C-alpha atoms as a PDB file:
ATOM      1  CA  MET A   1     -13.739  23.631  -9.069  1.00  0.00           C
ATOM      2  CA  ALA A   2     -10.724  25.037  -7.236  1.00  0.00           C
ATOM      3  CA  GLN A   3      -7.541  23.025  -6.879  1.00  0.00           C
ATOM      4  CA  ALA A   4      -8.014  20.339  -4.253  1.00  0.00           C
ATOM      5  CA  PHE A   5      -6.518  20.802  -0.806  1.00  0.00           C
ATOM      6  CA  ASP A   6      -6.999  19.266   2.649  1.00  0.00           C
ATOM      7  CA  ILE A   7     -10.015  21.218   3.836  1.00  0.00           C
ATOM      8  CA  VAL A   8      -9.942  19.744   7.370  1.00  0.00           C
ATOM      9  CA  SER A   9      -6.358  20.904   7.936  1.00  0.00           C
ATOM     10  CA  ARG A  10      -7.216  24.323   6.553  1.00  0.00           C
ATOM     11  CA  ILE A  11     -10.170  24.714   8.924  1.00  0.00           C
ATOM     12  CA  THR A  12      -7.939  23.774  11.860  1.00  0.00           C
ATOM     13  CA  GLU A  13      -5.149  26.139  10.816  1.00  0.00           C
ATOM     14  CA  ARG A  14      -7.311  29.172  10.026  1.00  0.00           C
ATOM     15  CA  SER A  15     -10.087  28.935  12.602  1.00  0.00           C
ATOM     16  CA  GLY A  16      -8.199  31.021  15.166  1.00  0.00           C
ATOM     17  CA  GLN A  17      -7.866  33.906  12.695  1.00  0.00           C
ATOM     18  CA  LEU A  18     -11.591  34.168  11.919  1.00  0.00           C
ATOM     19  CA  ARG A  19     -14.328  36.369  13.315  1.00  0.00           C
ATOM     20  CA  LEU A  20     -16.183  34.955  16.294  1.00  0.00           C
ATOM     21  CA  ALA A  21     -19.232  33.890  14.256  1.00  0.00           C
ATOM     22  CA  GLU A  22     -17.058  32.088  11.726  1.00  0.00           C
ATOM     23  CA  GLN A  23     -15.091  30.421  14.533  1.00  0.00           C
ATOM     24  CA  LYS A  24     -18.397  28.989  15.743  1.00  0.00           C
ATOM     25  CA  VAL A  25     -18.993  27.538  12.287  1.00  0.00           C
ATOM     26  CA  ALA A  26     -15.531  25.953  12.322  1.00  0.00           C
ATOM     27  CA  GLU A  27     -16.144  24.444  15.757  1.00  0.00           C
ATOM     28  CA  ALA A  28     -19.514  23.040  14.734  1.00  0.00           C
ATOM     29  CA  ILE A  29     -18.003  21.417  11.639  1.00  0.00           C
ATOM     30  CA  LEU A  30     -14.963  19.938  13.374  1.00  0.00           C
ATOM     31  CA  ASN A  31     -17.149  18.486  16.129  1.00  0.00           C
ATOM     32  CA  ASP A  32     -19.066  16.360  13.587  1.00  0.00           C
ATOM     33  CA  LEU A  33     -17.522  16.278  10.137  1.00  0.00           C
ATOM     34  CA  SER A  34     -19.866  13.651   8.689  1.00  0.00           C
ATOM     35  CA  THR A  35     -23.022  15.535   9.671  1.00  0.00           C
ATOM     36  CA  ALA A  36     -21.596  18.856   8.492  1.00  0.00           C
ATOM     37  CA  ALA A  37     -20.759  17.389   5.078  1.00  0.00           C
ATOM     38  CA  SER A  38     -24.387  16.407   4.491  1.00  0.00           C
ATOM     39  CA  ALA A  39     -26.087  19.383   6.221  1.00  0.00           C
ATOM     40  CA  SER A  40     -27.720  22.260   4.368  1.00  0.00           C
ATOM     41  CA  ILE A  41     -26.447  25.818   4.812  1.00  0.00           C
ATOM     42  CA  GLY A  42     -29.417  26.507   7.072  1.00  0.00           C
ATOM     43  CA  GLU A  43     -28.684  23.465   9.223  1.00  0.00           C
ATOM     44  CA  LEU A  44     -25.038  24.478   9.538  1.00  0.00           C
ATOM     45  CA  ALA A  45     -26.035  27.979  10.576  1.00  0.00           C
ATOM     46  CA  GLN A  46     -28.518  26.661  13.137  1.00  0.00           C
ATOM     47  CA  LYS A  47     -26.011  24.199  14.590  1.00  0.00           C
ATOM     48  CA  ALA A  48     -23.372  26.915  14.952  1.00  0.00           C
ATOM     49  CA  GLY A  49     -25.866  29.510  16.187  1.00  0.00           C
ATOM     50  CA  VAL A  50     -24.949  32.021  13.463  1.00  0.00           C
ATOM     51  CA  SER A  51     -26.513  33.599  10.394  1.00  0.00           C
ATOM     52  CA  LEU A  52     -26.541  32.169   6.874  1.00  0.00           C
ATOM     53  CA  ALA A  53     -24.184  34.972   5.853  1.00  0.00           C
ATOM     54  CA  SER A  54     -21.633  33.839   8.440  1.00  0.00           C
ATOM     55  CA  VAL A  55     -21.593  30.343   6.949  1.00  0.00           C
ATOM     56  CA  THR A  56     -21.046  31.818   3.473  1.00  0.00           C
ATOM     57  CA  ARG A  57     -18.211  34.047   4.727  1.00  0.00           C
ATOM     58  CA  PHE A  58     -16.652  31.054   6.442  1.00  0.00           C
ATOM     59  CA  ALA A  59     -16.679  29.007   3.217  1.00  0.00           C
ATOM     60  CA  LYS A  60     -14.949  31.835   1.345  1.00  0.00           C
ATOM     61  CA  ALA A  61     -12.429  32.269   4.151  1.00  0.00           C
ATOM     62  CA  MET A  62     -11.474  28.635   3.599  1.00  0.00           C
ATOM     63  CA  GLY A  63     -10.661  29.376  -0.045  1.00  0.00           C
ATOM     64  CA  CYS A  64     -13.881  28.064  -1.575  1.00  0.00           C
ATOM     65  CA  ARG A  65     -16.097  29.939  -4.041  1.00  0.00           C
ATOM     66  CA  ASP A  66     -19.253  29.184  -2.103  1.00  0.00           C
ATOM     67  CA  VAL A  67     -20.808  26.867   0.480  1.00  0.00           C
ATOM     68  CA  ARG A  68     -21.567  24.242  -2.160  1.00  0.00           C
ATOM     69  CA  GLU A  69     -17.906  23.898  -3.106  1.00  0.00           C
ATOM     70  CA  PHE A  70     -16.914  23.870   0.564  1.00  0.00           C
ATOM     71  CA  LYS A  71     -19.337  21.017   1.312  1.00  0.00           C
ATOM     72  CA  PHE A  72     -18.068  19.061  -1.692  1.00  0.00           C
ATOM     73  CA  MET A  73     -14.505  19.283  -0.429  1.00  0.00           C
ATOM     74  CA  LEU A  74     -15.587  18.415   3.096  1.00  0.00           C
ATOM     75  CA  ALA A  75     -17.395  15.326   1.791  1.00  0.00           C
ATOM     76  CA  GLN A  76     -14.207  14.278  -0.004  1.00  0.00           C
ATOM     77  CA  ALA A  77     -12.234  14.613   3.223  1.00  0.00           C
ATOM     78  CA  VAL A  78     -14.776  12.606   5.199  1.00  0.00           C
ATOM     79  CA  ALA A  79     -14.668   9.861   2.568  1.00  0.00           C
ATOM     80  CA  VAL A  80     -11.049   9.171   3.553  1.00  0.00           C
ATOM     81  CA  GLY A  81     -12.444   7.315   6.550  1.00  0.00           C
ATOM     82  CA  GLN A  82     -13.909   8.334   9.850  1.00  0.00           C
ATOM     83  CA  ARG A  83     -11.364   6.138  11.648  1.00  0.00           C
ATOM     84  CA  PHE A  84      -8.666   8.701  10.793  1.00  0.00           C
ATOM     85  CA  PHE A  85     -10.653  11.422  12.537  1.00  0.00           C
ATOM     86  CA  ASP A  86     -11.432   9.264  15.567  1.00  0.00           C
ATOM     87  CA  GLY A  87      -8.028   7.572  15.797  1.00  0.00           C
ATOM     88  CA  VAL A  88      -7.416   8.251  19.490  1.00  0.00           C
ATOM     89  CA  LYS A  89     -10.722   6.594  20.360  1.00  0.00           C
ATOM     90  CA  THR A  90      -9.606   3.356  18.658  1.00  0.00           C
ATOM     91  CA  ILE A  91      -6.536   2.695  20.836  1.00  0.00           C
ATOM     92  CA  PRO A  92      -7.113  -0.617  22.643  1.00  0.00           C
ATOM     93  CA  PRO A  93      -6.779  -0.491  26.441  1.00  0.00           C
ATOM     94  CA  GLY A  94      -3.628  -1.824  28.005  1.00  0.00           C
ATOM     95  CA  GLN A  95       0.123  -1.372  28.142  1.00  0.00           C
ATOM     96  CA  PRO A  96       2.727  -2.389  25.515  1.00  0.00           C
ATOM     97  CA  PRO A  97       2.644  -6.117  26.441  1.00  0.00           C
ATOM     98  CA  GLU A  98      -1.099  -6.203  25.764  1.00  0.00           C
ATOM     99  CA  LEU A  99      -0.714  -4.127  22.597  1.00  0.00           C
ATOM    100  CA  ALA A 100       1.819  -6.687  21.390  1.00  0.00           C
ATOM    101  CA  ASP A 101      -0.998  -9.224  21.473  1.00  0.00           C
ATOM    102  CA  VAL A 102      -3.149  -6.898  19.357  1.00  0.00           C
ATOM    103  CA  VAL A 103      -0.389  -6.598  16.749  1.00  0.00           C
ATOM    104  CA  TYR A 104       0.321 -10.331  16.814  1.00  0.00           C
ATOM    105  CA  ASN A 105      -3.356 -11.254  16.447  1.00  0.00           C
ATOM    106  CA  ASP A 106      -3.733  -8.951  13.436  1.00  0.00           C
ATOM    107  CA  ILE A 107      -0.681 -10.535  11.790  1.00  0.00           C
ATOM    108  CA  HIS A 108      -2.056 -14.002  12.499  1.00  0.00           C
ATOM    109  CA  ALA A 109      -5.450 -13.057  11.045  1.00  0.00           C
ATOM    110  CA  VAL A 110      -4.011 -11.672   7.807  1.00  0.00           C
ATOM    111  CA  LEU A 111      -1.815 -14.756   7.355  1.00  0.00           C
ATOM    112  CA  GLU A 112      -4.811 -17.051   7.852  1.00  0.00           C
ATOM    113  CA  VAL A 113      -6.879 -15.210   5.250  1.00  0.00           C
ATOM    114  CA  ASN A 114      -4.068 -15.078   2.713  1.00  0.00           C
ATOM    115  CA  ARG A 115      -3.117 -18.712   3.256  1.00  0.00           C
ATOM    116  CA  ALA A 116      -6.527 -19.569   1.840  1.00  0.00           C
ATOM    117  CA  LEU A 117      -5.814 -17.424  -1.249  1.00  0.00           C
ATOM    118  CA  LEU A 118      -2.641 -19.305  -2.222  1.00  0.00           C
ATOM    119  CA  ASN A 119      -3.138 -21.033  -5.576  1.00  0.00           C
ATOM    120  CA  PRO A 120      -0.646 -23.862  -6.300  1.00  0.00           C
ATOM    121  CA  ASP A 121      -1.158 -23.666 -10.065  1.00  0.00           C
ATOM    122  CA  ALA A 122      -0.589 -19.904 -10.150  1.00  0.00           C
ATOM    123  CA  LEU A 123       2.506 -20.246  -7.963  1.00  0.00           C
ATOM    124  CA  HIS A 124       3.894 -22.890 -10.304  1.00  0.00           C
ATOM    125  CA  ARG A 125       3.265 -20.789 -13.422  1.00  0.00           C
ATOM    126  CA  ALA A 126       4.841 -17.741 -11.803  1.00  0.00           C
ATOM    127  CA  ALA A 127       7.892 -19.747 -10.697  1.00  0.00           C
ATOM    128  CA  GLU A 128       8.331 -21.075 -14.236  1.00  0.00           C
ATOM    129  CA  LEU A 129       8.343 -17.524 -15.573  1.00  0.00           C
ATOM    130  CA  LEU A 130      11.010 -16.526 -13.054  1.00  0.00           C
ATOM    131  CA  ARG A 131      13.102 -19.606 -13.830  1.00  0.00           C
ATOM    132  CA  ASP A 132      13.049 -18.986 -17.590  1.00  0.00           C
ATOM    133  CA  ALA A 133      13.394 -15.190 -17.560  1.00  0.00           C
ATOM    134  CA  ARG A 134      16.407 -13.549 -19.164  1.00  0.00           C
ATOM    135  CA  MET A 135      16.034 -10.793 -16.554  1.00  0.00           C
ATOM    136  CA  ILE A 136      13.574 -10.199 -13.714  1.00  0.00           C
ATOM    137  CA  TYR A 137      12.503  -6.675 -12.807  1.00  0.00           C
ATOM    138  CA  SER A 138      10.791  -6.092  -9.490  1.00  0.00           C
ATOM    139  CA  PHE A 139       8.552  -3.014  -9.165  1.00  0.00           C
ATOM    140  CA  GLY A 140       7.096  -1.580  -5.970  1.00  0.00           C
ATOM    141  CA  MET A 141       5.966   1.872  -4.876  1.00  0.00           C
ATOM    142  CA  GLY A 142       5.043   3.247  -1.479  1.00  0.00           C
ATOM    143  CA  GLY A 143       5.610   1.494   1.842  1.00  0.00           C
ATOM    144  CA  GLY A 144       5.227  -2.277   2.082  1.00  0.00           C
ATOM    145  CA  SER A 145       5.253  -2.716  -1.700  1.00  0.00           C
ATOM    146  CA  THR A 146       8.643  -1.007  -1.948  1.00  0.00           C
ATOM    147  CA  MET A 147      10.068  -3.109   0.870  1.00  0.00           C
ATOM    148  CA  LEU A 148       8.799  -6.377  -0.618  1.00  0.00           C
ATOM    149  CA  SER A 149      10.082  -5.577  -4.094  1.00  0.00           C
ATOM    150  CA  ASP A 150      13.532  -5.206  -2.547  1.00  0.00           C
ATOM    151  CA  GLU A 151      12.993  -8.413  -0.577  1.00  0.00           C
ATOM    152  CA  ALA A 152      12.277 -10.182  -3.884  1.00  0.00           C
ATOM    153  CA  ARG A 153      15.671  -9.057  -5.168  1.00  0.00           C
ATOM    154  CA  TYR A 154      17.427 -10.307  -2.033  1.00  0.00           C
ATOM    155  CA  ARG A 155      15.665 -13.657  -2.275  1.00  0.00           C
ATOM    156  CA  LEU A 156      15.951 -14.296  -6.012  1.00  0.00           C
ATOM    157  CA  VAL A 157      19.653 -13.528  -6.252  1.00  0.00           C
ATOM    158  CA  ARG A 158      20.309 -16.379  -3.790  1.00  0.00           C
ATOM    159  CA  LEU A 159      18.865 -18.751  -6.347  1.00  0.00           C
ATOM    160  CA  GLY A 160      21.078 -17.396  -9.113  1.00  0.00           C
ATOM    161  CA  ARG A 161      18.378 -15.397 -10.888  1.00  0.00           C
ATOM    162  CA  PRO A 162      19.304 -12.042 -12.484  1.00  0.00           C
ATOM    163  CA  VAL A 163      17.105  -9.420 -10.855  1.00  0.00           C
ATOM    164  CA  ALA A 164      16.867  -5.647 -10.437  1.00  0.00           C
ATOM    165  CA  THR A 165      14.479  -3.489  -8.400  1.00  0.00           C
ATOM    166  CA  TYR A 166      13.025  -0.074  -9.276  1.00  0.00           C
ATOM    167  CA  HIS A 167      10.791   2.141  -7.132  1.00  0.00           C
ATOM    168  CA  ASP A 168      10.947   5.563  -8.780  1.00  0.00           C
ATOM    169  CA  ALA A 169       7.975   6.098 -11.114  1.00  0.00           C
ATOM    170  CA  LEU A 170       9.959   7.701 -13.924  1.00  0.00           C
ATOM    171  CA  LEU A 171      12.742   5.107 -13.747  1.00  0.00           C
ATOM    172  CA  GLN A 172      10.136   2.357 -13.822  1.00  0.00           C
ATOM    173  CA  ARG A 173       8.676   3.854 -16.974  1.00  0.00           C
ATOM    174  CA  MET A 174      12.110   4.119 -18.600  1.00  0.00           C
ATOM    175  CA  VAL A 175      12.974   0.526 -17.683  1.00  0.00           C
ATOM    176  CA  ALA A 176       9.605  -0.745 -18.893  1.00  0.00           C
ATOM    177  CA  ALA A 177      10.322   0.767 -22.311  1.00  0.00           C
ATOM    178  CA  THR A 178      13.546  -1.282 -22.625  1.00  0.00           C
ATOM    179  CA  LEU A 179      12.071  -4.716 -21.850  1.00  0.00           C
ATOM    180  CA  ASP A 180      11.100  -7.483 -24.254  1.00  0.00           C
ATOM    181  CA  LYS A 181       9.412 -10.882 -24.244  1.00  0.00           C
ATOM    182  CA  ALA A 182      12.406 -12.595 -22.651  1.00  0.00           C
ATOM    183  CA  ASP A 183      12.039 -10.524 -19.474  1.00  0.00           C
ATOM    184  CA  VAL A 184       9.606 -10.866 -16.572  1.00  0.00           C
ATOM    185  CA  LEU A 185       8.113  -8.096 -14.460  1.00  0.00           C
ATOM    186  CA  LEU A 186       7.274  -8.926 -10.828  1.00  0.00           C
ATOM    187  CA  VAL A 187       4.955  -6.244  -9.448  1.00  0.00           C
ATOM    188  CA  PHE A 188       4.000  -5.616  -5.817  1.00  0.00           C
ATOM    189  CA  SER A 189       1.026  -3.442  -4.880  1.00  0.00           C
ATOM    190  CA  THR A 190      -1.237  -3.826  -1.850  1.00  0.00           C
ATOM    191  CA  THR A 191      -4.112  -1.980  -3.530  1.00  0.00           C
ATOM    192  CA  GLY A 192      -3.313  -2.625  -7.203  1.00  0.00           C
ATOM    193  CA  ASN A 193      -4.554   0.860  -7.907  1.00  0.00           C
ATOM    194  CA  VAL A 194      -1.484   3.144  -8.014  1.00  0.00           C
ATOM    195  CA  PRO A 195      -1.808   5.259 -11.200  1.00  0.00           C
ATOM    196  CA  GLU A 196       1.933   5.535 -11.903  1.00  0.00           C
ATOM    197  CA  MET A 197       2.435   1.806 -11.430  1.00  0.00           C
ATOM    198  CA  LEU A 198      -0.457   0.952 -13.733  1.00  0.00           C
ATOM    199  CA  THR A 199       0.850   3.271 -16.438  1.00  0.00           C
ATOM    200  CA  ASN A 200       4.341   1.791 -16.219  1.00  0.00           C
ATOM    201  CA  CYS A 201       2.976  -1.744 -16.438  1.00  0.00           C
ATOM    202  CA  GLU A 202       1.004  -0.758 -19.527  1.00  0.00           C
ATOM    203  CA  VAL A 203       4.257   0.346 -21.161  1.00  0.00           C
ATOM    204  CA  ALA A 204       5.845  -3.041 -20.408  1.00  0.00           C
ATOM    205  CA  LYS A 205       2.752  -4.848 -21.664  1.00  0.00           C
ATOM    206  CA  GLU A 206       3.052  -3.097 -25.026  1.00  0.00           C
ATOM    207  CA  TYR A 207       6.351  -4.916 -25.537  1.00  0.00           C
ATOM    208  CA  GLY A 208       4.982  -8.333 -24.643  1.00  0.00           C
ATOM    209  CA  VAL A 209       6.588  -8.579 -21.208  1.00  0.00           C
ATOM    210  CA  LYS A 210       5.130 -11.272 -18.957  1.00  0.00           C
ATOM    211  CA  MET A 211       3.942  -9.900 -15.623  1.00  0.00           C
ATOM    212  CA  ILE A 212       3.438 -11.507 -12.233  1.00  0.00           C
ATOM    213  CA  GLY A 213       1.335  -9.494  -9.801  1.00  0.00           C
ATOM    214  CA  ILE A 214       1.266  -9.859  -6.033  1.00  0.00           C
ATOM    215  CA  THR A 215      -1.694  -7.587  -5.503  1.00  0.00           C
ATOM    216  CA  ALA A 216      -5.342  -7.238  -4.510  1.00  0.00           C
ATOM    217  CA  LEU A 217      -7.858  -9.540  -6.154  1.00  0.00           C
ATOM    218  CA  GLY A 218     -10.156  -7.608  -8.494  1.00  0.00           C
ATOM    219  CA  SER A 219      -7.867  -4.565  -8.684  1.00  0.00           C
ATOM    220  CA  PRO A 220      -6.875  -2.816 -11.948  1.00  0.00           C
ATOM    221  CA  LEU A 221      -3.383  -4.288 -11.679  1.00  0.00           C
ATOM    222  CA  ALA A 222      -4.800  -7.779 -11.135  1.00  0.00           C
ATOM    223  CA  GLY A 223      -6.589  -7.446 -14.462  1.00  0.00           C
ATOM    224  CA  MET A 224      -3.353  -6.603 -16.289  1.00  0.00           C
ATOM    225  CA  VAL A 225      -0.951  -9.316 -15.137  1.00  0.00           C
ATOM    226  CA  ASP A 226      -0.369 -12.708 -16.737  1.00  0.00           C
ATOM    227  CA  VAL A 227      -0.168 -14.526 -13.412  1.00  0.00           C
ATOM    228  CA  LEU A 228      -1.995 -13.210 -10.373  1.00  0.00           C
ATOM    229  CA  LEU A 229      -0.928 -14.116  -6.851  1.00  0.00           C
ATOM    230  CA  PRO A 230      -3.756 -12.443  -4.931  1.00  0.00           C
ATOM    231  CA  ILE A 231      -3.491 -10.885  -1.495  1.00  0.00           C
ATOM    232  CA  LYS A 232      -6.026  -9.351   0.853  1.00  0.00           C
ATOM    233  CA  ALA A 233      -5.264  -6.581   3.325  1.00  0.00           C
ATOM    234  CA  LEU A 234      -7.124  -6.505   6.644  1.00  0.00           C
ATOM    235  CA  GLU A 235      -7.013  -2.945   7.951  1.00  0.00           C
ATOM    236  CA  THR A 236      -8.445  -2.240  11.394  1.00  0.00           C
ATOM    237  CA  ASP A 237      -9.637   0.910  13.155  1.00  0.00           C
ATOM    238  CA  PHE A 238      -6.399   0.992  15.179  1.00  0.00           C
ATOM    239  CA  ILE A 239      -4.699   3.412  12.772  1.00  0.00           C
ATOM    240  CA  PHE A 240      -1.493   3.811  14.793  1.00  0.00           C
ATOM    241  CA  LYS A 241      -0.497   0.186  14.238  1.00  0.00           C
ATOM    242  CA  PRO A 242       1.643  -0.605  11.164  1.00  0.00           C
ATOM    243  CA  SER A 243      -0.330  -2.252   8.387  1.00  0.00           C
ATOM    244  CA  SER A 244      -0.300  -6.037   8.459  1.00  0.00           C
ATOM    245  CA  SER A 245      -0.669  -6.197   4.671  1.00  0.00           C
ATOM    246  CA  ARG A 246       3.079  -6.546   4.184  1.00  0.00           C
ATOM    247  CA  TYR A 247       2.912  -9.935   5.915  1.00  0.00           C
ATOM    248  CA  ALA A 248       0.431 -11.065   3.271  1.00  0.00           C
ATOM    249  CA  MET A 249       2.837 -10.033   0.514  1.00  0.00           C
ATOM    250  CA  MET A 250       5.795 -11.581   2.335  1.00  0.00           C
ATOM    251  CA  MET A 251       4.082 -14.952   2.743  1.00  0.00           C
ATOM    252  CA  THR A 252       3.127 -15.003  -0.930  1.00  0.00           C
ATOM    253  CA  LEU A 253       6.665 -14.080  -1.932  1.00  0.00           C
ATOM    254  CA  ASP A 254       8.057 -16.802   0.361  1.00  0.00           C
ATOM    255  CA  MET A 255       5.872 -19.390  -1.351  1.00  0.00           C
ATOM    256  CA  LEU A 256       6.817 -18.128  -4.813  1.00  0.00           C
ATOM    257  CA  VAL A 257      10.557 -18.310  -4.086  1.00  0.00           C
ATOM    258  CA  LEU A 258      10.149 -21.754  -2.498  1.00  0.00           C
ATOM    259  CA  GLU A 259       8.343 -22.959  -5.627  1.00  0.00           C
ATOM    260  CA  LEU A 260      11.171 -21.591  -7.775  1.00  0.00           C
ATOM    261  CA  ALA A 261      13.813 -23.259  -5.601  1.00  0.00           C
ATOM    262  CA  LEU A 262      12.075 -26.623  -5.956  1.00  0.00           C
ATOM    263  CA  LEU A 263      11.702 -26.213  -9.725  1.00  0.00           C
ATOM    264  CA  GLN A 264      15.485 -26.008 -10.029  1.00  0.00           C
ATOM    265  CA  LYS A 265      16.451 -28.188  -7.051  1.00  0.00           C
ATOM    266  CA  ASP A 266      19.997 -29.069  -8.089  1.00  0.00           C
ATOM    267  CA  ARG A 267      20.914 -25.513  -9.034  1.00  0.00           C
ATOM    268  CA  SER A 268      19.262 -24.095  -5.917  1.00  0.00           C
ATOM    269  CA  GLN A 269      21.116 -26.525  -3.673  1.00  0.00           C
ATOM    270  CA  GLU A 270      24.482 -25.575  -5.142  1.00  0.00           C
ATOM    271  CA  GLN A 271      23.735 -21.838  -4.948  1.00  0.00           C
ATOM    272  CA  LEU A 272      22.711 -22.086  -1.307  1.00  0.00           C
ATOM    273  CA  ARG A 273      25.744 -24.237  -0.450  1.00  0.00           C
ATOM    274  CA  ARG A 274      28.042 -21.591  -1.922  1.00  0.00           C
ATOM    275  CA  LEU A 275      26.331 -18.885   0.078  1.00  0.00           C
ATOM    276  CA  LYS A 276      26.661 -20.840   3.323  1.00  0.00           C
ATOM    277  CA  TYR A 277      30.326 -21.570   2.633  1.00  0.00           C
ATOM    278  CA  ALA A 278      31.156 -17.938   1.829  1.00  0.00           C
ATOM    279  CA  LEU A 279      29.358 -16.671   4.945  1.00  0.00           C
ATOM    280  CA  ASP A 280      30.891 -19.237   7.298  1.00  0.00           C
ATOM    281  CA  MET A 281      34.381 -18.494   6.003  1.00  0.00           C
ATOM    282  CA  HIS A 282      33.741 -14.790   6.606  1.00  0.00           C
ATOM    283  CA  ARG A 283      31.984 -14.672   9.981  1.00  0.00           C
ATOM    284  CA  GLY A 284      32.159 -18.183  11.413  1.00  0.00           C
ATOM    285  CA  GLY A 285      29.161 -19.454  13.295  1.00  0.00           C
ATOM    286  CA  GLY A 286      26.988 -22.526  13.631  1.00  0.00           C
ATOM    287  CA  ASP A 287      25.366 -24.641  10.997  1.00  0.00           C
ATOM    288  CA  ARG A 288      21.882 -23.192  11.649  1.00  0.00           C
ATOM    289  CA  GLN A 289      22.731 -19.542  11.115  1.00  0.00           C
ATOM    290  CA  PRO A 290      20.610 -17.946   8.358  1.00  0.00           C
ATOM    291  CA  LEU A 291      21.901 -17.183   4.890  1.00  0.00           C
ATOM    292  CA  GLY A 292      22.197 -13.501   5.640  1.00  0.00           C
ATOM    293  CA  ASP A 293      22.076 -11.493   8.841  1.00  0.00           C
END
């Protein structure tokens, strides 16, 4: 099998440079990718109104050895999800004020679902690990997972916990190799199926590091961690809207940090008082301003 590439993009880019018969094949495929992926060479030829030889030449022009390999790669592309080929059709009607309701309702829905997944016992066990850790390392890769791993650092330092965040795959691996049983690894992953992240967690696990996972229930990462705080993403067909999954992770993190704060009430109170004092002396402001900006 040839090295994988985005066959749909290649068809789009090269179709204008092909012979007329092959352009017809490209048009027929792009008009209905799902059907084309499952059609026989004869059905493709009939749909495009060309000969079998034209379909074969088209497949080779796309960089494939034959039609069979071309169809395999097309099937892989289609498996990504039809909603990413029909994205424009999924835009809800209305202007920005109405679209704000769409975004808000999706956020509300994901919070409702993930509220039901919160497990008090798991939150308590995870908070105990964070309280007793010599050092906490927060791992995240990608979009929301990266952002929330940083958010964990911002939140935990307020409670006086030593914490560092790493996003780079190689740095994560290097750090994982330096940890021991006194450390705790807090891992964020919406899917729980990022190969680099899983490999790096395996390295940490070899050294007996306790792991807390804020990740998808039933995922490979969920099966590796010592304490699972499960989340569920609710993706819709409206592909242009930012994913609401980060709100699921944020709510779970909020509950974890709250549990930690209550486990060490006296220390937490003093830490937060110091923060408020230092901020008020610096910027002024009212009593209800947040501990940050």
